[in-house]
Amino acid sequence: MSDLKVDGIIASTGTNTNLTLQGKGTGKVDIGDGALSFPDADGSAGSVIKTDGSGALSFIPAGGLIPLAQIDSTSQASADFDDIFTTTYDQYKFIGYNIGPETNDTDLYVRVSSDSGSTWQSGSTYSNACHGMTGNGTRIKYTSSDSAFIMSWLTIGAGNGVFSDAKAGVGFDLTVYDPLNTTYSFQLTWLSTYMIASTTHGIMAGSGRYDSAANAWDSIQFIMSAGDADFVIKAYGIVNS
């Protein structure tokens, strides 16, 4: 193999012509003193290039969280993510903030569906375990089998849809694990924080499972135990690789 040594290469014909570098057969294109060897086929949409540390480059799915959907609503009965769970990802994350109930003494619930949100599972088949602490140091402990996952077990102060304190509300970070798996129970974990007023707040960490492994769960719903609420929730898929 001979080397071509030039100070510049310009396409010889046409206007706005691409310059193509291509190896022969299955040969790669090597560039730079580090002899970076580029793949000879494109990756899937959204992929990024990684190195093996020895000069070989390849396409892989982009790491981190992939935005899937967002609900930003006011005075709504629930925030439903229908058909959000697919075979593309094994894990999912939901970030919620500025969630404001319009009814006093209400809790934030989570329910699942296996029929695109047509039926939200209820009955005493959700197992919850929550632990937390209020701003004054009071410990919170809650375990139950209930009709839904109870993600924030608290009393929210509100009146006519307007909080008495601008800082009131609920926020959370929730992770769902392999919801389409029919061998093991549906499982999730969460960390939630709530602010009833400037002097009343707390934090809770919890986990839960749905006591049935027969269904592939495709949808998830966030709903207050009573009344409407304002919801801001973002859904992400976590790359499998």
C-alpha atoms as a PDB file:
ATOM      1  CA  MET A   1       0.000   0.000   0.000  1.00  0.00           C
ATOM      2  CA  SER A   2       1.330   3.413  -0.967  1.00  0.00           C
ATOM      3  CA  ASP A   3       0.768   6.684   0.899  1.00  0.00           C
ATOM      4  CA  LEU A   4      -0.765   9.802  -0.635  1.00  0.00           C
ATOM      5  CA  LYS A   5       0.782  12.937   0.830  1.00  0.00           C
ATOM      6  CA  VAL A   6      -1.004  16.207   0.044  1.00  0.00           C
ATOM      7  CA  ASP A   7      -1.754  19.526   1.716  1.00  0.00           C
ATOM      8  CA  GLY A   8      -5.389  19.483   0.631  1.00  0.00           C
ATOM      9  CA  ILE A   9      -7.970  17.496  -1.304  1.00  0.00           C
ATOM     10  CA  ILE A  10     -10.871  19.160  -3.135  1.00  0.00           C
ATOM     11  CA  ALA A  11     -13.664  17.463  -5.065  1.00  0.00           C
ATOM     12  CA  SER A  12     -12.915  17.974  -8.751  1.00  0.00           C
ATOM     13  CA  THR A  13     -16.423  18.343 -10.215  1.00  0.00           C
ATOM     14  CA  GLY A  14     -19.869  19.611  -9.371  1.00  0.00           C
ATOM     15  CA  THR A  15     -21.132  22.126  -6.838  1.00  0.00           C
ATOM     16  CA  ASN A  16     -21.393  21.341  -3.099  1.00  0.00           C
ATOM     17  CA  THR A  17     -19.985  17.889  -3.814  1.00  0.00           C
ATOM     18  CA  ASN A  18     -19.353  15.477  -0.947  1.00  0.00           C
ATOM     19  CA  LEU A  19     -15.839  14.097  -0.547  1.00  0.00           C
ATOM     20  CA  THR A  20     -15.897  10.325  -0.092  1.00  0.00           C
ATOM     21  CA  LEU A  21     -13.256   8.245   1.679  1.00  0.00           C
ATOM     22  CA  GLN A  22     -13.786   4.512   1.379  1.00  0.00           C
ATOM     23  CA  GLY A  23     -11.721   1.434   2.043  1.00  0.00           C
ATOM     24  CA  LYS A  24     -11.663  -1.425  -0.443  1.00  0.00           C
ATOM     25  CA  GLY A  25     -13.983  -4.334   0.289  1.00  0.00           C
ATOM     26  CA  THR A  26     -14.421  -4.654   4.053  1.00  0.00           C
ATOM     27  CA  GLY A  27     -11.510  -2.306   4.678  1.00  0.00           C
ATOM     28  CA  LYS A  28     -12.084   0.629   7.023  1.00  0.00           C
ATOM     29  CA  VAL A  29     -11.057   4.271   6.781  1.00  0.00           C
ATOM     30  CA  ASP A  30      -8.198   5.031   9.182  1.00  0.00           C
ATOM     31  CA  ILE A  31      -7.617   8.664  10.120  1.00  0.00           C
ATOM     32  CA  GLY A  32      -5.096  10.473  12.294  1.00  0.00           C
ATOM     33  CA  ASP A  33      -1.881   9.613  14.070  1.00  0.00           C
ATOM     34  CA  GLY A  34      -3.917   7.382  16.373  1.00  0.00           C
ATOM     35  CA  ALA A  35      -5.137   5.438  13.323  1.00  0.00           C
ATOM     36  CA  LEU A  36      -8.800   5.759  14.272  1.00  0.00           C
ATOM     37  CA  SER A  37     -10.638   3.104  12.270  1.00  0.00           C
ATOM     38  CA  PHE A  38     -14.153   4.224  11.326  1.00  0.00           C
ATOM     39  CA  PRO A  39     -17.011   1.722  10.834  1.00  0.00           C
ATOM     40  CA  ASP A  40     -18.022   1.127   7.219  1.00  0.00           C
ATOM     41  CA  ALA A  41     -21.784   1.050   7.946  1.00  0.00           C
ATOM     42  CA  ASP A  42     -24.068   3.569   9.607  1.00  0.00           C
ATOM     43  CA  GLY A  43     -25.611   3.002  13.040  1.00  0.00           C
ATOM     44  CA  SER A  44     -29.281   3.379  13.980  1.00  0.00           C
ATOM     45  CA  ALA A  45     -30.869   6.804  14.425  1.00  0.00           C
ATOM     46  CA  GLY A  46     -29.545   8.625  17.467  1.00  0.00           C
ATOM     47  CA  SER A  47     -26.498   6.382  17.849  1.00  0.00           C
ATOM     48  CA  VAL A  48     -23.115   7.697  18.935  1.00  0.00           C
ATOM     49  CA  ILE A  49     -19.574   6.541  18.150  1.00  0.00           C
ATOM     50  CA  LYS A  50     -17.468   4.869  20.846  1.00  0.00           C
ATOM     51  CA  THR A  51     -13.840   3.709  20.869  1.00  0.00           C
ATOM     52  CA  ASP A  52     -12.408   0.492  22.259  1.00  0.00           C
ATOM     53  CA  GLY A  53      -9.287   2.372  23.338  1.00  0.00           C
ATOM     54  CA  SER A  54      -7.242   0.793  20.564  1.00  0.00           C
ATOM     55  CA  GLY A  55      -8.442   2.862  17.632  1.00  0.00           C
ATOM     56  CA  ALA A  56     -11.489   0.827  16.593  1.00  0.00           C
ATOM     57  CA  LEU A  57     -14.673   2.942  16.465  1.00  0.00           C
ATOM     58  CA  SER A  58     -18.230   1.620  16.422  1.00  0.00           C
ATOM     59  CA  PHE A  59     -21.818   2.856  16.720  1.00  0.00           C
ATOM     60  CA  ILE A  60     -23.796   2.285  19.937  1.00  0.00           C
ATOM     61  CA  PRO A  61     -27.120   3.660  21.242  1.00  0.00           C
ATOM     62  CA  ALA A  62     -26.774   7.032  22.923  1.00  0.00           C
ATOM     63  CA  GLY A  63     -26.271   6.608  26.666  1.00  0.00           C
ATOM     64  CA  GLY A  64     -28.266   8.141  29.484  1.00  0.00           C
ATOM     65  CA  LEU A  65     -31.925   9.057  29.381  1.00  0.00           C
ATOM     66  CA  ILE A  66     -33.882   9.261  26.136  1.00  0.00           C
ATOM     67  CA  PRO A  67     -36.857  11.685  26.295  1.00  0.00           C
ATOM     68  CA  LEU A  68     -40.099   9.890  25.405  1.00  0.00           C
ATOM     69  CA  ALA A  69     -43.036  12.054  26.458  1.00  0.00           C
ATOM     70  CA  GLN A  70     -44.093  14.922  28.709  1.00  0.00           C
ATOM     71  CA  ILE A  71     -47.370  15.869  30.370  1.00  0.00           C
ATOM     72  CA  ASP A  72     -47.770  19.487  31.432  1.00  0.00           C
ATOM     73  CA  SER A  73     -51.387  20.066  32.442  1.00  0.00           C
ATOM     74  CA  THR A  74     -53.576  22.008  34.843  1.00  0.00           C
ATOM     75  CA  SER A  75     -56.703  20.858  36.673  1.00  0.00           C
ATOM     76  CA  GLN A  76     -56.542  17.351  35.237  1.00  0.00           C
ATOM     77  CA  ALA A  77     -57.869  14.154  36.830  1.00  0.00           C
ATOM     78  CA  SER A  78     -54.699  12.186  36.085  1.00  0.00           C
ATOM     79  CA  ALA A  79     -51.519  12.069  34.030  1.00  0.00           C
ATOM     80  CA  ASP A  80     -51.661   8.973  31.802  1.00  0.00           C
ATOM     81  CA  PHE A  81     -48.747   7.628  29.773  1.00  0.00           C
ATOM     82  CA  ASP A  82     -50.463   5.123  27.468  1.00  0.00           C
ATOM     83  CA  ASP A  83     -48.257   2.597  25.635  1.00  0.00           C
ATOM     84  CA  ILE A  84     -45.117   4.209  27.058  1.00  0.00           C
ATOM     85  CA  PHE A  85     -43.470   0.838  27.805  1.00  0.00           C
ATOM     86  CA  THR A  86     -42.087  -0.933  24.731  1.00  0.00           C
ATOM     87  CA  THR A  87     -39.376  -3.439  23.884  1.00  0.00           C
ATOM     88  CA  THR A  88     -36.969  -0.587  23.114  1.00  0.00           C
ATOM     89  CA  TYR A  89     -36.050  -0.120  26.788  1.00  0.00           C
ATOM     90  CA  ASP A  90     -35.944  -2.311  29.894  1.00  0.00           C
ATOM     91  CA  GLN A  91     -36.021   0.550  32.388  1.00  0.00           C
ATOM     92  CA  TYR A  92     -37.862   3.863  32.504  1.00  0.00           C
ATOM     93  CA  LYS A  93     -37.635   7.008  34.583  1.00  0.00           C
ATOM     94  CA  PHE A  94     -40.355   9.542  35.365  1.00  0.00           C
ATOM     95  CA  ILE A  95     -39.516  12.981  36.770  1.00  0.00           C
ATOM     96  CA  GLY A  96     -42.405  14.955  38.246  1.00  0.00           C
ATOM     97  CA  TYR A  97     -42.472  18.423  39.759  1.00  0.00           C
ATOM     98  CA  ASN A  98     -44.885  21.273  40.570  1.00  0.00           C
ATOM     99  CA  ILE A  99     -47.628  18.705  41.096  1.00  0.00           C
ATOM    100  CA  GLY A 100     -50.386  20.605  42.882  1.00  0.00           C
ATOM    101  CA  PRO A 101     -53.537  18.854  44.149  1.00  0.00           C
ATOM    102  CA  GLU A 102     -56.726  20.877  44.283  1.00  0.00           C
ATOM    103  CA  THR A 103     -58.233  18.866  47.154  1.00  0.00           C
ATOM    104  CA  ASN A 104     -57.118  18.712  50.783  1.00  0.00           C
ATOM    105  CA  ASP A 105     -55.979  15.471  52.412  1.00  0.00           C
ATOM    106  CA  THR A 106     -55.064  13.718  49.165  1.00  0.00           C
ATOM    107  CA  ASP A 107     -52.208  11.400  48.206  1.00  0.00           C
ATOM    108  CA  LEU A 108     -50.394  10.824  44.920  1.00  0.00           C
ATOM    109  CA  TYR A 109     -51.101   7.342  43.538  1.00  0.00           C
ATOM    110  CA  VAL A 110     -49.581   5.331  40.684  1.00  0.00           C
ATOM    111  CA  ARG A 111     -51.431   2.633  38.749  1.00  0.00           C
ATOM    112  CA  VAL A 112     -50.537   0.422  35.768  1.00  0.00           C
ATOM    113  CA  SER A 113     -52.336  -1.002  32.749  1.00  0.00           C
ATOM    114  CA  SER A 114     -51.710  -3.857  30.334  1.00  0.00           C
ATOM    115  CA  ASP A 115     -54.259  -2.767  27.718  1.00  0.00           C
ATOM    116  CA  SER A 116     -52.994   0.654  26.594  1.00  0.00           C
ATOM    117  CA  GLY A 117     -54.689   2.466  29.465  1.00  0.00           C
ATOM    118  CA  SER A 118     -58.219   1.168  28.839  1.00  0.00           C
ATOM    119  CA  THR A 119     -58.240  -0.481  32.281  1.00  0.00           C
ATOM    120  CA  TRP A 120     -56.145   0.673  35.241  1.00  0.00           C
ATOM    121  CA  GLN A 121     -55.511  -2.161  37.671  1.00  0.00           C
ATOM    122  CA  SER A 122     -57.041  -1.822  41.134  1.00  0.00           C
ATOM    123  CA  GLY A 123     -57.725  -4.088  44.083  1.00  0.00           C
ATOM    124  CA  SER A 124     -55.371  -5.093  46.902  1.00  0.00           C
ATOM    125  CA  THR A 125     -52.605  -6.290  44.596  1.00  0.00           C
ATOM    126  CA  TYR A 126     -50.192  -3.358  44.884  1.00  0.00           C
ATOM    127  CA  SER A 127     -47.585  -3.782  47.630  1.00  0.00           C
ATOM    128  CA  ASN A 128     -45.978  -0.601  48.991  1.00  0.00           C
ATOM    129  CA  ALA A 129     -43.163   0.148  51.400  1.00  0.00           C
ATOM    130  CA  CYS A 130     -42.422   3.821  52.144  1.00  0.00           C
ATOM    131  CA  HIS A 131     -40.101   5.461  54.631  1.00  0.00           C
ATOM    132  CA  GLY A 132     -39.417   9.137  55.142  1.00  0.00           C
ATOM    133  CA  MET A 133     -39.119  12.112  57.406  1.00  0.00           C
ATOM    134  CA  THR A 134     -40.856  15.423  57.838  1.00  0.00           C
ATOM    135  CA  GLY A 135     -39.106  18.746  58.179  1.00  0.00           C
ATOM    136  CA  ASN A 136     -39.413  18.648  61.972  1.00  0.00           C
ATOM    137  CA  GLY A 137     -37.731  15.230  62.213  1.00  0.00           C
ATOM    138  CA  THR A 138     -40.849  13.074  62.500  1.00  0.00           C
ATOM    139  CA  ARG A 139     -40.285   9.660  60.945  1.00  0.00           C
ATOM    140  CA  ILE A 140     -42.806   8.321  58.418  1.00  0.00           C
ATOM    141  CA  LYS A 141     -43.363   4.623  57.767  1.00  0.00           C
ATOM    142  CA  TYR A 142     -46.016   3.092  55.554  1.00  0.00           C
ATOM    143  CA  THR A 143     -46.469  -0.450  54.287  1.00  0.00           C
ATOM    144  CA  SER A 144     -49.625  -1.790  52.708  1.00  0.00           C
ATOM    145  CA  SER A 145     -51.346  -3.770  50.023  1.00  0.00           C
ATOM    146  CA  ASP A 146     -53.632  -1.273  48.366  1.00  0.00           C
ATOM    147  CA  SER A 147     -55.501  -0.415  45.185  1.00  0.00           C
ATOM    148  CA  ALA A 148     -52.530   1.559  43.818  1.00  0.00           C
ATOM    149  CA  PHE A 149     -48.949   2.496  44.623  1.00  0.00           C
ATOM    150  CA  ILE A 150     -48.984   5.315  47.176  1.00  0.00           C
ATOM    151  CA  MET A 151     -46.021   7.454  46.220  1.00  0.00           C
ATOM    152  CA  SER A 152     -46.552  10.413  48.536  1.00  0.00           C
ATOM    153  CA  TRP A 153     -48.434   9.675  51.716  1.00  0.00           C
ATOM    154  CA  LEU A 154     -49.288  13.104  53.037  1.00  0.00           C
ATOM    155  CA  THR A 155     -51.852  15.807  53.604  1.00  0.00           C
ATOM    156  CA  ILE A 156     -51.701  18.555  51.034  1.00  0.00           C
ATOM    157  CA  GLY A 157     -53.148  21.936  51.909  1.00  0.00           C
ATOM    158  CA  ALA A 158     -55.043  23.606  49.075  1.00  0.00           C
ATOM    159  CA  GLY A 159     -58.149  25.606  48.461  1.00  0.00           C
ATOM    160  CA  ASN A 160     -60.157  26.072  45.273  1.00  0.00           C
ATOM    161  CA  GLY A 161     -57.168  25.041  43.188  1.00  0.00           C
ATOM    162  CA  VAL A 162     -54.928  27.740  44.671  1.00  0.00           C
ATOM    163  CA  PHE A 163     -52.337  26.848  47.285  1.00  0.00           C
ATOM    164  CA  SER A 164     -52.163  28.998  50.393  1.00  0.00           C
ATOM    165  CA  ASP A 165     -48.388  28.963  49.922  1.00  0.00           C
ATOM    166  CA  ALA A 166     -46.626  29.329  46.559  1.00  0.00           C
ATOM    167  CA  LYS A 167     -44.057  26.697  47.579  1.00  0.00           C
ATOM    168  CA  ALA A 168     -46.601  23.936  48.083  1.00  0.00           C
ATOM    169  CA  GLY A 169     -46.535  20.864  45.827  1.00  0.00           C
ATOM    170  CA  VAL A 170     -45.048  17.432  45.153  1.00  0.00           C
ATOM    171  CA  GLY A 171     -41.971  16.325  43.211  1.00  0.00           C
ATOM    172  CA  PHE A 172     -40.604  12.852  42.530  1.00  0.00           C
ATOM    173  CA  ASP A 173     -38.071  10.682  40.728  1.00  0.00           C
ATOM    174  CA  LEU A 174     -39.531   7.263  39.876  1.00  0.00           C
ATOM    175  CA  THR A 175     -37.868   4.300  38.134  1.00  0.00           C
ATOM    176  CA  VAL A 176     -39.738   1.368  36.551  1.00  0.00           C
ATOM    177  CA  TYR A 177     -37.930  -1.931  35.974  1.00  0.00           C
ATOM    178  CA  ASP A 178     -38.611  -4.191  32.977  1.00  0.00           C
ATOM    179  CA  PRO A 179     -42.397  -3.647  32.822  1.00  0.00           C
ATOM    180  CA  LEU A 180     -42.953  -6.042  29.893  1.00  0.00           C
ATOM    181  CA  ASN A 181     -41.417  -8.985  31.762  1.00  0.00           C
ATOM    182  CA  THR A 182     -44.025 -11.689  32.450  1.00  0.00           C
ATOM    183  CA  THR A 183     -41.797 -13.844  34.651  1.00  0.00           C
ATOM    184  CA  TYR A 184     -41.385 -11.445  37.559  1.00  0.00           C
ATOM    185  CA  SER A 185     -43.716  -8.971  39.260  1.00  0.00           C
ATOM    186  CA  PHE A 186     -43.919  -5.364  38.094  1.00  0.00           C
ATOM    187  CA  GLN A 187     -41.466  -3.365  40.236  1.00  0.00           C
ATOM    188  CA  LEU A 188     -40.622   0.286  40.790  1.00  0.00           C
ATOM    189  CA  THR A 189     -38.806   2.568  43.216  1.00  0.00           C
ATOM    190  CA  TRP A 190     -39.197   6.279  43.915  1.00  0.00           C
ATOM    191  CA  LEU A 191     -37.990   9.257  45.848  1.00  0.00           C
ATOM    192  CA  SER A 192     -40.603  11.944  46.489  1.00  0.00           C
ATOM    193  CA  THR A 193     -40.634  15.273  48.243  1.00  0.00           C
ATOM    194  CA  TYR A 194     -43.549  17.434  49.260  1.00  0.00           C
ATOM    195  CA  MET A 195     -44.074  20.963  50.491  1.00  0.00           C
ATOM    196  CA  ILE A 196     -47.436  21.785  52.056  1.00  0.00           C
ATOM    197  CA  ALA A 197     -46.341  25.272  53.101  1.00  0.00           C
ATOM    198  CA  SER A 198     -43.088  27.062  53.767  1.00  0.00           C
ATOM    199  CA  THR A 199     -42.899  25.447  57.219  1.00  0.00           C
ATOM    200  CA  THR A 200     -44.251  21.983  56.401  1.00  0.00           C
ATOM    201  CA  HIS A 201     -42.303  19.650  54.151  1.00  0.00           C
ATOM    202  CA  GLY A 202     -40.936  16.137  53.976  1.00  0.00           C
ATOM    203  CA  ILE A 203     -39.267  13.449  51.895  1.00  0.00           C
ATOM    204  CA  MET A 204     -40.173   9.830  51.211  1.00  0.00           C
ATOM    205  CA  ALA A 205     -38.370   6.881  49.615  1.00  0.00           C
ATOM    206  CA  GLY A 206     -40.354   3.872  48.577  1.00  0.00           C
ATOM    207  CA  SER A 207     -40.657   0.739  46.514  1.00  0.00           C
ATOM    208  CA  GLY A 208     -43.523  -1.293  45.252  1.00  0.00           C
ATOM    209  CA  ARG A 209     -44.602  -4.212  43.138  1.00  0.00           C
ATOM    210  CA  TYR A 210     -47.764  -5.471  41.519  1.00  0.00           C
ATOM    211  CA  ASP A 211     -48.393  -9.003  42.753  1.00  0.00           C
ATOM    212  CA  SER A 212     -48.928 -10.575  39.363  1.00  0.00           C
ATOM    213  CA  ALA A 213     -46.388 -11.620  36.755  1.00  0.00           C
ATOM    214  CA  ALA A 214     -48.939 -12.656  34.149  1.00  0.00           C
ATOM    215  CA  ASN A 215     -49.151  -9.375  32.265  1.00  0.00           C
ATOM    216  CA  ALA A 216     -46.813  -7.214  30.223  1.00  0.00           C
ATOM    217  CA  TRP A 217     -47.543  -3.719  31.545  1.00  0.00           C
ATOM    218  CA  ASP A 218     -47.542  -1.087  28.803  1.00  0.00           C
ATOM    219  CA  SER A 219     -48.951   2.020  30.528  1.00  0.00           C
ATOM    220  CA  ILE A 220     -48.685   3.979  33.768  1.00  0.00           C
ATOM    221  CA  GLN A 221     -50.977   6.519  35.429  1.00  0.00           C
ATOM    222  CA  PHE A 222     -50.342   9.200  38.068  1.00  0.00           C
ATOM    223  CA  ILE A 223     -53.494  10.191  39.931  1.00  0.00           C
ATOM    224  CA  MET A 224     -54.498  11.873  43.180  1.00  0.00           C
ATOM    225  CA  SER A 225     -56.610   9.905  45.664  1.00  0.00           C
ATOM    226  CA  ALA A 226     -59.333  12.532  45.115  1.00  0.00           C
ATOM    227  CA  GLY A 227     -59.855  15.561  42.936  1.00  0.00           C
ATOM    228  CA  ASP A 228     -57.877  17.100  40.085  1.00  0.00           C
ATOM    229  CA  ALA A 229     -54.296  18.368  40.117  1.00  0.00           C
ATOM    230  CA  ASP A 230     -51.693  20.216  38.103  1.00  0.00           C
ATOM    231  CA  PHE A 231     -49.132  17.798  36.635  1.00  0.00           C
ATOM    232  CA  VAL A 232     -45.680  18.276  35.144  1.00  0.00           C
ATOM    233  CA  ILE A 233     -44.155  14.848  34.438  1.00  0.00           C
ATOM    234  CA  LYS A 234     -41.398  13.874  32.004  1.00  0.00           C
ATOM    235  CA  ALA A 235     -40.884  10.287  30.832  1.00  0.00           C
ATOM    236  CA  TYR A 236     -37.529   8.834  29.767  1.00  0.00           C
ATOM    237  CA  GLY A 237     -36.277   5.504  28.478  1.00  0.00           C
ATOM    238  CA  ILE A 238     -32.968   4.217  29.867  1.00  0.00           C
ATOM    239  CA  VAL A 239     -30.687   2.812  27.159  1.00  0.00           C
ATOM    240  CA  ASN A 240     -30.240  -0.964  27.523  1.00  0.00           C
ATOM    241  CA  SER A 241     -26.548  -1.104  26.597  1.00  0.00           C
END
